[in-house]
PDB file of N, CA and C in Angstrom:
ATOM      1  N   MET A   1       0.962  -0.958  -0.052  1.00  0.00           N
ATOM      2  CA  MET A   1       0.146   0.059   0.072  1.00  0.00           C
ATOM      3  C   MET A   1       0.782   1.471  -0.068  1.00  0.00           C
ATOM      4  N   ALA A   2       0.808   2.466  -0.392  1.00  0.00           N
ATOM      5  CA  ALA A   2       1.207   3.463  -1.194  1.00  0.00           C
ATOM      6  C   ALA A   2       1.221   4.142   0.362  1.00  0.00           C
ATOM      7  N   ALA A   3       2.299   5.489   0.729  1.00  0.00           N
ATOM      8  CA  ALA A   3       2.141   6.216   1.643  1.00  0.00           C
ATOM      9  C   ALA A   3       0.932   7.170   1.748  1.00  0.00           C
ATOM     10  N   GLN A   4       0.169   7.283   0.453  1.00  0.00           N
ATOM     11  CA  GLN A   4      -0.742   8.440   0.111  1.00  0.00           C
ATOM     12  C   GLN A   4      -2.170   7.632   0.694  1.00  0.00           C
ATOM     13  N   ASP A   5      -2.405   6.702   0.167  1.00  0.00           N
ATOM     14  CA  ASP A   5      -3.425   5.472   0.738  1.00  0.00           C
ATOM     15  C   ASP A   5      -3.491   5.297   2.409  1.00  0.00           C
ATOM     16  N   ILE A   6      -2.343   5.285   3.038  1.00  0.00           N
ATOM     17  CA  ILE A   6      -2.360   5.084   4.434  1.00  0.00           C
ATOM     18  C   ILE A   6      -2.863   6.092   5.192  1.00  0.00           C
ATOM     19  N   ILE A   7      -2.477   7.417   5.171  1.00  0.00           N
ATOM     20  CA  ILE A   7      -2.341   8.897   5.584  1.00  0.00           C
ATOM     21  C   ILE A   7      -3.919   9.221   4.749  1.00  0.00           C
ATOM     22  N   VAL A   8      -5.171   9.476   5.249  1.00  0.00           N
ATOM     23  CA  VAL A   8      -6.235   9.929   4.501  1.00  0.00           C
ATOM     24  C   VAL A   8      -6.114  11.324   4.891  1.00  0.00           C
ATOM     25  N   ARG A   9      -6.248  11.866   6.010  1.00  0.00           N
ATOM     26  CA  ARG A   9      -6.356  13.346   6.601  1.00  0.00           C
ATOM     27  C   ARG A   9      -5.817  13.618   7.459  1.00  0.00           C
ATOM     28  N   PRO A  10      -4.906  14.865   7.868  1.00  0.00           N
ATOM     29  CA  PRO A  10      -4.773  15.704   9.117  1.00  0.00           C
ATOM     30  C   PRO A  10      -6.056  16.073   9.959  1.00  0.00           C
ATOM     31  N   ILE A  11      -6.009  14.953  11.498  1.00  0.00           N
ATOM     32  CA  ILE A  11      -7.004  15.612  11.924  1.00  0.00           C
ATOM     33  C   ILE A  11      -6.667  17.208  12.832  1.00  0.00           C
ATOM     34  N   ILE A  12      -7.710  18.184  12.581  1.00  0.00           N
ATOM     35  CA  ILE A  12      -7.317  19.503  13.000  1.00  0.00           C
ATOM     36  C   ILE A  12      -8.895  20.170  13.792  1.00  0.00           C
ATOM     37  N   THR A  13      -8.152  19.703  15.338  1.00  0.00           N
ATOM     38  CA  THR A  13      -9.326  19.876  16.310  1.00  0.00           C
ATOM     39  C   THR A  13      -8.268  20.772  17.180  1.00  0.00           C
ATOM     40  N   GLU A  14      -8.730  21.273  18.067  1.00  0.00           N
ATOM     41  CA  GLU A  14      -8.431  21.706  19.301  1.00  0.00           C
ATOM     42  C   GLU A  14      -7.778  20.908  20.164  1.00  0.00           C
ATOM     43  N   LYS A  15      -7.775  19.913  20.343  1.00  0.00           N
ATOM     44  CA  LYS A  15      -7.238  18.865  21.135  1.00  0.00           C
ATOM     45  C   LYS A  15      -5.940  18.417  20.483  1.00  0.00           C
ATOM     46  N   SER A  16      -6.167  18.415  19.144  1.00  0.00           N
ATOM     47  CA  SER A  16      -4.994  17.611  18.576  1.00  0.00           C
ATOM     48  C   SER A  16      -4.107  18.811  18.136  1.00  0.00           C
ATOM     49  N   MET A  17      -3.838  19.713  18.342  1.00  0.00           N
ATOM     50  CA  MET A  17      -3.469  21.143  18.492  1.00  0.00           C
ATOM     51  C   MET A  17      -2.632  21.239  19.470  1.00  0.00           C
ATOM     52  N   THR A  18      -3.030  20.928  20.469  1.00  0.00           N
ATOM     53  CA  THR A  18      -2.271  21.350  21.896  1.00  0.00           C
ATOM     54  C   THR A  18      -1.142  20.266  21.747  1.00  0.00           C
ATOM     55  N   GLY A  19      -1.308  19.034  20.998  1.00  0.00           N
ATOM     56  CA  GLY A  19       0.165  17.866  21.009  1.00  0.00           C
ATOM     57  C   GLY A  19       1.109  18.551  20.302  1.00  0.00           C
ATOM     58  N   ILE A  20       1.023  19.411  19.236  1.00  0.00           N
ATOM     59  CA  ILE A  20       2.312  20.082  17.931  1.00  0.00           C
ATOM     60  C   ILE A  20       3.389  20.195  19.039  1.00  0.00           C
ATOM     61  N   GLY A  21       3.437  20.529  20.192  1.00  0.00           N
ATOM     62  CA  GLY A  21       4.547  21.028  20.705  1.00  0.00           C
ATOM     63  C   GLY A  21       5.082  20.349  21.802  1.00  0.00           C
ATOM     64  N   MET A  22       4.713  19.019  21.776  1.00  0.00           N
ATOM     65  CA  MET A  22       5.329  17.888  22.290  1.00  0.00           C
ATOM     66  C   MET A  22       5.450  16.750  20.873  1.00  0.00           C
ATOM     67  N   LYS A  23       5.473  17.194  19.678  1.00  0.00           N
ATOM     68  CA  LYS A  23       5.570  16.800  18.368  1.00  0.00           C
ATOM     69  C   LYS A  23       4.542  15.025  18.242  1.00  0.00           C
ATOM     70  N   LYS A  24       3.320  15.497  18.586  1.00  0.00           N
ATOM     71  CA  LYS A  24       2.384  14.602  18.538  1.00  0.00           C
ATOM     72  C   LYS A  24       1.691  15.206  17.522  1.00  0.00           C
ATOM     73  N   TYR A  25       1.144  14.406  16.258  1.00  0.00           N
ATOM     74  CA  TYR A  25       0.296  15.021  15.278  1.00  0.00           C
ATOM     75  C   TYR A  25      -0.343  14.019  15.164  1.00  0.00           C
ATOM     76  N   THR A  26      -1.626  14.063  14.717  1.00  0.00           N
ATOM     77  CA  THR A  26      -3.183  13.317  14.823  1.00  0.00           C
ATOM     78  C   THR A  26      -3.287  13.209  13.481  1.00  0.00           C
ATOM     79  N   PHE A  27      -3.428  12.048  12.989  1.00  0.00           N
ATOM     80  CA  PHE A  27      -4.027  11.592  11.127  1.00  0.00           C
ATOM     81  C   PHE A  27      -5.358  10.674  11.137  1.00  0.00           C
ATOM     82  N   GLU A  28      -5.882  10.495  10.296  1.00  0.00           N
ATOM     83  CA  GLU A  28      -6.971   9.468  10.307  1.00  0.00           C
ATOM     84  C   GLU A  28      -6.312   8.591   8.890  1.00  0.00           C
ATOM     85  N   VAL A  29      -6.229   7.545   9.477  1.00  0.00           N
ATOM     86  CA  VAL A  29      -5.353   6.669   8.861  1.00  0.00           C
ATOM     87  C   VAL A  29      -6.246   5.278   7.818  1.00  0.00           C
ATOM     88  N   ALA A  30      -5.965   4.319   7.155  1.00  0.00           N
ATOM     89  CA  ALA A  30      -6.401   3.392   6.720  1.00  0.00           C
ATOM     90  C   ALA A  30      -7.133   2.504   7.636  1.00  0.00           C
ATOM     91  N   LYS A  31      -7.809   1.903   7.628  1.00  0.00           N
ATOM     92  CA  LYS A  31      -8.687   0.969   8.565  1.00  0.00           C
ATOM     93  C   LYS A  31      -7.965  -0.063   8.499  1.00  0.00           C
ATOM     94  N   ASN A  32      -7.201  -0.817   7.488  1.00  0.00           N
ATOM     95  CA  ASN A  32      -6.369  -2.239   7.520  1.00  0.00           C
ATOM     96  C   ASN A  32      -4.837  -1.323   7.948  1.00  0.00           C
ATOM     97  N   ALA A  33      -4.777  -0.434   8.379  1.00  0.00           N
ATOM     98  CA  ALA A  33      -2.919   0.278   8.254  1.00  0.00           C
ATOM     99  C   ALA A  33      -2.620  -0.215   9.652  1.00  0.00           C
ATOM    100  N   THR A  34      -1.147  -1.154   9.987  1.00  0.00           N
ATOM    101  CA  THR A  34      -0.716  -1.408  11.237  1.00  0.00           C
ATOM    102  C   THR A  34       0.287   0.201  11.691  1.00  0.00           C
ATOM    103  N   LYS A  35       0.682  -0.298  12.484  1.00  0.00           N
ATOM    104  CA  LYS A  35       1.512   0.816  13.328  1.00  0.00           C
ATOM    105  C   LYS A  35       2.568   1.362  12.479  1.00  0.00           C
ATOM    106  N   VAL A  36       3.424  -0.041  11.819  1.00  0.00           N
ATOM    107  CA  VAL A  36       4.270   0.060  11.350  1.00  0.00           C
ATOM    108  C   VAL A  36       4.437   0.907  10.226  1.00  0.00           C
ATOM    109  N   ASP A  37       2.918   0.141   9.381  1.00  0.00           N
ATOM    110  CA  ASP A  37       2.502   0.870   8.203  1.00  0.00           C
ATOM    111  C   ASP A  37       2.426   2.471   8.013  1.00  0.00           C
ATOM    112  N   VAL A  38       2.010   2.967   9.322  1.00  0.00           N
ATOM    113  CA  VAL A  38       1.674   4.434   9.472  1.00  0.00           C
ATOM    114  C   VAL A  38       2.966   5.256   9.592  1.00  0.00           C
ATOM    115  N   ALA A  39       4.014   4.797  10.455  1.00  0.00           N
ATOM    116  CA  ALA A  39       5.250   5.386  10.621  1.00  0.00           C
ATOM    117  C   ALA A  39       6.380   5.548   9.659  1.00  0.00           C
ATOM    118  N   ARG A  40       6.022   4.154   8.802  1.00  0.00           N
ATOM    119  CA  ARG A  40       6.946   4.363   7.776  1.00  0.00           C
ATOM    120  C   ARG A  40       6.140   5.478   6.735  1.00  0.00           C
ATOM    121  N   ALA A  41       4.443   5.590   6.240  1.00  0.00           N
ATOM    122  CA  ALA A  41       3.894   6.557   5.702  1.00  0.00           C
ATOM    123  C   ALA A  41       4.574   7.746   6.172  1.00  0.00           C
ATOM    124  N   VAL A  42       4.345   8.252   7.291  1.00  0.00           N
ATOM    125  CA  VAL A  42       4.710   9.410   7.848  1.00  0.00           C
ATOM    126  C   VAL A  42       6.105   9.923   7.525  1.00  0.00           C
ATOM    127  N   GLU A  43       6.839   8.755   7.535  1.00  0.00           N
ATOM    128  CA  GLU A  43       8.503   9.264   7.552  1.00  0.00           C
ATOM    129  C   GLU A  43       8.931   9.637   6.122  1.00  0.00           C
ATOM    130  N   GLU A  44       8.009   8.687   5.231  1.00  0.00           N
ATOM    131  CA  GLU A  44       8.210   8.869   3.769  1.00  0.00           C
ATOM    132  C   GLU A  44       7.586  10.469   3.085  1.00  0.00           C
ATOM    133  N   LEU A  45       6.474  10.458   3.788  1.00  0.00           N
ATOM    134  CA  LEU A  45       5.528  11.771   3.400  1.00  0.00           C
ATOM    135  C   LEU A  45       5.999  13.161   3.882  1.00  0.00           C
ATOM    136  N   PHE A  46       6.666  12.976   4.576  1.00  0.00           N
ATOM    137  CA  PHE A  46       6.958  14.288   5.794  1.00  0.00           C
ATOM    138  C   PHE A  46       8.778  14.447   5.672  1.00  0.00           C
ATOM    139  N   GLY A  47       9.196  13.369   5.740  1.00  0.00           N
ATOM    140  CA  GLY A  47      10.742  13.275   5.968  1.00  0.00           C
ATOM    141  C   GLY A  47      10.982  13.639   7.423  1.00  0.00           C
ATOM    142  N   VAL A  48      10.175  12.782   8.104  1.00  0.00           N
ATOM    143  CA  VAL A  48      10.736  13.021   9.581  1.00  0.00           C
ATOM    144  C   VAL A  48      10.895  11.957  10.320  1.00  0.00           C
ATOM    145  N   LYS A  49      11.345  11.698  11.833  1.00  0.00           N
ATOM    146  CA  LYS A  49      11.963  10.386  12.108  1.00  0.00           C
ATOM    147  C   LYS A  49      10.341  10.036  13.350  1.00  0.00           C
ATOM    148  N   VAL A  50      10.221   9.139  13.221  1.00  0.00           N
ATOM    149  CA  VAL A  50       8.551   8.740  14.003  1.00  0.00           C
ATOM    150  C   VAL A  50       9.302   8.044  15.511  1.00  0.00           C
ATOM    151  N   ALA A  51       8.761   8.555  16.448  1.00  0.00           N
ATOM    152  CA  ALA A  51       9.142   7.655  17.939  1.00  0.00           C
ATOM    153  C   ALA A  51       8.502   6.604  18.040  1.00  0.00           C
ATOM    154  N   LYS A  52       7.141   6.911  17.877  1.00  0.00           N
ATOM    155  CA  LYS A  52       6.090   5.945  18.133  1.00  0.00           C
ATOM    156  C   LYS A  52       4.896   6.208  17.564  1.00  0.00           C
ATOM    157  N   VAL A  53       3.927   5.286  17.469  1.00  0.00           N
ATOM    158  CA  VAL A  53       2.359   5.406  17.084  1.00  0.00           C
ATOM    159  C   VAL A  53       1.769   4.867  17.938  1.00  0.00           C
ATOM    160  N   ASN A  54       0.644   5.657  18.239  1.00  0.00           N
ATOM    161  CA  ASN A  54      -0.639   4.880  18.933  1.00  0.00           C
ATOM    162  C   ASN A  54      -2.048   5.004  17.987  1.00  0.00           C
ATOM    163  N   THR A  55      -2.329   4.174  18.200  1.00  0.00           N
ATOM    164  CA  THR A  55      -3.608   3.792  16.856  1.00  0.00           C
ATOM    165  C   THR A  55      -5.099   3.727  17.790  1.00  0.00           C
ATOM    166  N   MET A  56      -6.139   3.622  17.472  1.00  0.00           N
ATOM    167  CA  MET A  56      -7.303   3.829  18.003  1.00  0.00           C
ATOM    168  C   MET A  56      -8.464   3.732  16.948  1.00  0.00           C
ATOM    169  N   ASN A  57      -9.348   2.737  16.898  1.00  0.00           N
ATOM    170  CA  ASN A  57     -10.540   2.730  15.977  1.00  0.00           C
ATOM    171  C   ASN A  57     -11.859   3.757  16.545  1.00  0.00           C
ATOM    172  N   VAL A  58     -12.482   4.555  15.800  1.00  0.00           N
ATOM    173  CA  VAL A  58     -13.162   5.370  16.369  1.00  0.00           C
ATOM    174  C   VAL A  58     -14.508   4.571  15.513  1.00  0.00           C
ATOM    175  N   ARG A  59     -15.594   4.560  16.366  1.00  0.00           N
ATOM    176  CA  ARG A  59     -16.783   3.749  15.656  1.00  0.00           C
ATOM    177  C   ARG A  59     -17.983   5.467  15.574  1.00  0.00           C
ATOM    178  N   GLY A  60     -18.832   4.730  14.513  1.00  0.00           N
ATOM    179  CA  GLY A  60     -19.782   5.745  13.979  1.00  0.00           C
ATOM    180  C   GLY A  60     -20.659   6.113  15.223  1.00  0.00           C
ATOM    181  N   HIS A  61     -20.992   7.181  14.827  1.00  0.00           N
ATOM    182  CA  HIS A  61     -21.437   8.144  15.890  1.00  0.00           C
ATOM    183  C   HIS A  61     -23.228   8.445  15.218  1.00  0.00           C
ATOM    184  N   PHE A  62     -24.355   7.814  16.175  1.00  0.00           N
ATOM    185  CA  PHE A  62     -25.495   8.350  15.876  1.00  0.00           C
ATOM    186  C   PHE A  62     -25.911   9.687  15.714  1.00  0.00           C
ATOM    187  N   ARG A  63     -26.526   9.967  14.610  1.00  0.00           N
ATOM    188  CA  ARG A  63     -26.844  11.073  13.741  1.00  0.00           C
ATOM    189  C   ARG A  63     -28.370  11.389  13.218  1.00  0.00           C
ATOM    190  N   ARG A  64     -29.004  12.362  13.396  1.00  0.00           N
ATOM    191  CA  ARG A  64     -30.276  12.464  13.142  1.00  0.00           C
ATOM    192  C   ARG A  64     -30.200  13.759  12.098  1.00  0.00           C
ATOM    193  N   GLN A  65     -31.384  13.691  11.343  1.00  0.00           N
ATOM    194  CA  GLN A  65     -31.568  14.583  10.494  1.00  0.00           C
ATOM    195  C   GLN A  65     -32.954  14.818   9.812  1.00  0.00           C
ATOM    196  N   GLY A  66     -33.988  15.611  10.528  1.00  0.00           N
ATOM    197  CA  GLY A  66     -35.041  14.927  10.096  1.00  0.00           C
ATOM    198  C   GLY A  66     -35.771  14.245  10.291  1.00  0.00           C
ATOM    199  N   ARG A  67     -36.556  13.349   9.621  1.00  0.00           N
ATOM    200  CA  ARG A  67     -36.826  11.769  10.278  1.00  0.00           C
ATOM    201  C   ARG A  67     -35.948  10.582   9.533  1.00  0.00           C
ATOM    202  N   SER A  68     -34.697  11.328   9.340  1.00  0.00           N
ATOM    203  CA  SER A  68     -33.632  10.121   9.027  1.00  0.00           C
ATOM    204  C   SER A  68     -32.998  10.530  10.011  1.00  0.00           C
ATOM    205  N   GLU A  69     -32.532   8.662  10.010  1.00  0.00           N
ATOM    206  CA  GLU A  69     -31.506   8.570  11.483  1.00  0.00           C
ATOM    207  C   GLU A  69     -30.475   7.617  10.715  1.00  0.00           C
ATOM    208  N   GLY A  70     -29.169   7.728  11.226  1.00  0.00           N
ATOM    209  CA  GLY A  70     -28.471   6.452  10.865  1.00  0.00           C
ATOM    210  C   GLY A  70     -27.132   6.985  11.584  1.00  0.00           C
ATOM    211  N   TYR A  71     -25.891   6.125  11.430  1.00  0.00           N
ATOM    212  CA  TYR A  71     -24.693   6.468  12.080  1.00  0.00           C
ATOM    213  C   TYR A  71     -23.656   6.666  10.938  1.00  0.00           C
ATOM    214  N   THR A  72     -22.534   7.692  11.516  1.00  0.00           N
ATOM    215  CA  THR A  72     -21.593   8.029  10.661  1.00  0.00           C
ATOM    216  C   THR A  72     -20.571   6.807  10.021  1.00  0.00           C
ATOM    217  N   SER A  73     -19.792   6.957   9.180  1.00  0.00           N
ATOM    218  CA  SER A  73     -18.761   5.872   9.248  1.00  0.00           C
ATOM    219  C   SER A  73     -17.787   5.768  10.239  1.00  0.00           C
ATOM    220  N   ALA A  74     -17.101   4.899  10.612  1.00  0.00           N
ATOM    221  CA  ALA A  74     -15.902   4.301  11.776  1.00  0.00           C
ATOM    222  C   ALA A  74     -14.928   4.623  10.851  1.00  0.00           C
ATOM    223  N   TRP A  75     -14.241   4.768  11.687  1.00  0.00           N
ATOM    224  CA  TRP A  75     -12.842   5.188  10.955  1.00  0.00           C
ATOM    225  C   TRP A  75     -11.351   5.090  12.350  1.00  0.00           C
ATOM    226  N   LYS A  76     -10.248   4.786  11.760  1.00  0.00           N
ATOM    227  CA  LYS A  76      -9.218   4.820  12.102  1.00  0.00           C
ATOM    228  C   LYS A  76      -8.002   6.206  12.847  1.00  0.00           C
ATOM    229  N   LYS A  77      -8.147   6.572  13.974  1.00  0.00           N
ATOM    230  CA  LYS A  77      -6.839   7.350  14.473  1.00  0.00           C
ATOM    231  C   LYS A  77      -5.532   6.987  14.495  1.00  0.00           C
ATOM    232  N   ALA A  78      -4.412   7.815  14.326  1.00  0.00           N
ATOM    233  CA  ALA A  78      -3.551   7.689  14.469  1.00  0.00           C
ATOM    234  C   ALA A  78      -2.718   9.069  15.449  1.00  0.00           C
ATOM    235  N   ILE A  79      -2.260   8.459  16.276  1.00  0.00           N
ATOM    236  CA  ILE A  79      -1.583  10.153  17.093  1.00  0.00           C
ATOM    237  C   ILE A  79       0.126   9.270  17.064  1.00  0.00           C
ATOM    238  N   VAL A  80       0.661  10.056  16.516  1.00  0.00           N
ATOM    239  CA  VAL A  80       2.297   9.815  15.814  1.00  0.00           C
ATOM    240  C   VAL A  80       3.091  10.851  16.058  1.00  0.00           C
ATOM    241  N   THR A  81       4.028  10.083  17.096  1.00  0.00           N
ATOM    242  CA  THR A  81       5.205  11.076  17.972  1.00  0.00           C
ATOM    243  C   THR A  81       5.847  11.056  17.499  1.00  0.00           C
ATOM    244  N   LEU A  82       6.789  11.989  17.403  1.00  0.00           N
ATOM    245  CA  LEU A  82       8.028  12.215  16.673  1.00  0.00           C
ATOM    246  C   LEU A  82       9.323  12.293  17.597  1.00  0.00           C
ATOM    247  N   THR A  83      10.459  12.032  17.278  1.00  0.00           N
ATOM    248  CA  THR A  83      11.372  11.485  18.192  1.00  0.00           C
ATOM    249  C   THR A  83      12.021  13.187  18.378  1.00  0.00           C
ATOM    250  N   GLU A  84      12.721  13.899  19.342  1.00  0.00           N
ATOM    251  CA  GLU A  84      13.050  14.967  19.890  1.00  0.00           C
ATOM    252  C   GLU A  84      14.140  15.803  18.557  1.00  0.00           C
ATOM    253  N   ASP A  85      14.952  15.030  18.031  1.00  0.00           N
ATOM    254  CA  ASP A  85      15.981  15.713  17.088  1.00  0.00           C
ATOM    255  C   ASP A  85      14.856  15.859  15.680  1.00  0.00           C
ATOM    256  N   SER A  86      13.706  15.079  15.500  1.00  0.00           N
ATOM    257  CA  SER A  86      13.332  15.138  14.223  1.00  0.00           C
ATOM    258  C   SER A  86      12.736  16.663  14.206  1.00  0.00           C
ATOM    259  N   LYS A  87      12.956  16.966  12.764  1.00  0.00           N
ATOM    260  CA  LYS A  87      11.891  18.440  12.432  1.00  0.00           C
ATOM    261  C   LYS A  87      10.750  18.558  12.478  1.00  0.00           C
ATOM    262  N   THR A  88       9.878  19.580  12.814  1.00  0.00           N
ATOM    263  CA  THR A  88       8.264  19.079  12.872  1.00  0.00           C
ATOM    264  C   THR A  88       8.059  18.953  11.381  1.00  0.00           C
ATOM    265  N   ILE A  89       6.806  18.979  11.483  1.00  0.00           N
ATOM    266  CA  ILE A  89       5.860  19.082  10.253  1.00  0.00           C
ATOM    267  C   ILE A  89       5.358  20.145  10.151  1.00  0.00           C
ATOM    268  N   GLU A  90       5.572  20.600   8.373  1.00  0.00           N
ATOM    269  CA  GLU A  90       5.663  22.066   8.749  1.00  0.00           C
ATOM    270  C   GLU A  90       4.152  22.125   8.035  1.00  0.00           C
ATOM    271  N   PHE A  91       3.016  21.512   7.548  1.00  0.00           N
ATOM    272  CA  PHE A  91       1.696  21.775   7.527  1.00  0.00           C
ATOM    273  C   PHE A  91       1.070  22.046   8.720  1.00  0.00           C
ATOM    274  N   PHE A  92       1.562  21.710  10.009  1.00  0.00           N
ATOM    275  CA  PHE A  92       0.716  22.001  11.070  1.00  0.00           C
ATOM    276  C   PHE A  92       1.271  23.311  11.466  1.00  0.00           C
ATOM    277  N   GLU A  93       2.151  23.848  11.387  1.00  0.00           N
ATOM    278  CA  GLU A  93       3.019  24.962  11.964  1.00  0.00           C
ATOM    279  C   GLU A  93       1.919  26.430  11.470  1.00  0.00           C
ATOM    280  N   GLY A  94       1.187  26.246  10.386  1.00  0.00           N
ATOM    281  CA  GLY A  94       0.492  27.550  10.062  1.00  0.00           C
ATOM    282  C   GLY A  94      -0.901  27.431  10.676  1.00  0.00           C
ATOM    283  N   MET A  95      -1.196  26.145  11.646  1.00  0.00           N
ATOM    284  CA  MET A  95      -2.491  26.076  11.985  1.00  0.00           C
ATOM    285  C   MET A  95      -2.250  26.879  13.424  1.00  0.00           C
ATOM    286  N   MET A  96      -1.588  26.918  13.936  1.00  0.00           N
ATOM    287  CA  MET A  96      -1.517  27.035  15.525  1.00  0.00           C
ATOM    288  C   MET A  96      -1.600  28.548  15.318  1.00  0.00           C
TER     289      MET A  96
END
């Protein structure tokens, strides 16, 4: 699987932005991606060194719109911690 297929999108929330100072970045990743796959993809795409990866499965939430009701799709989230000597990811720097 290519690195572009593993990393789906960055997660830009207030809680995820607080981790940038500690070099922790949050991404939505492919459901079948492992921690090793995520680490390799981040290193390849952004040119950084990954110290560790924490992953979690986020289940779909119940939503209503008028009479229609259903669940949002489930997805996988990865929190990537970079090494101390690694450079930062420039994409997130403009968000702070």
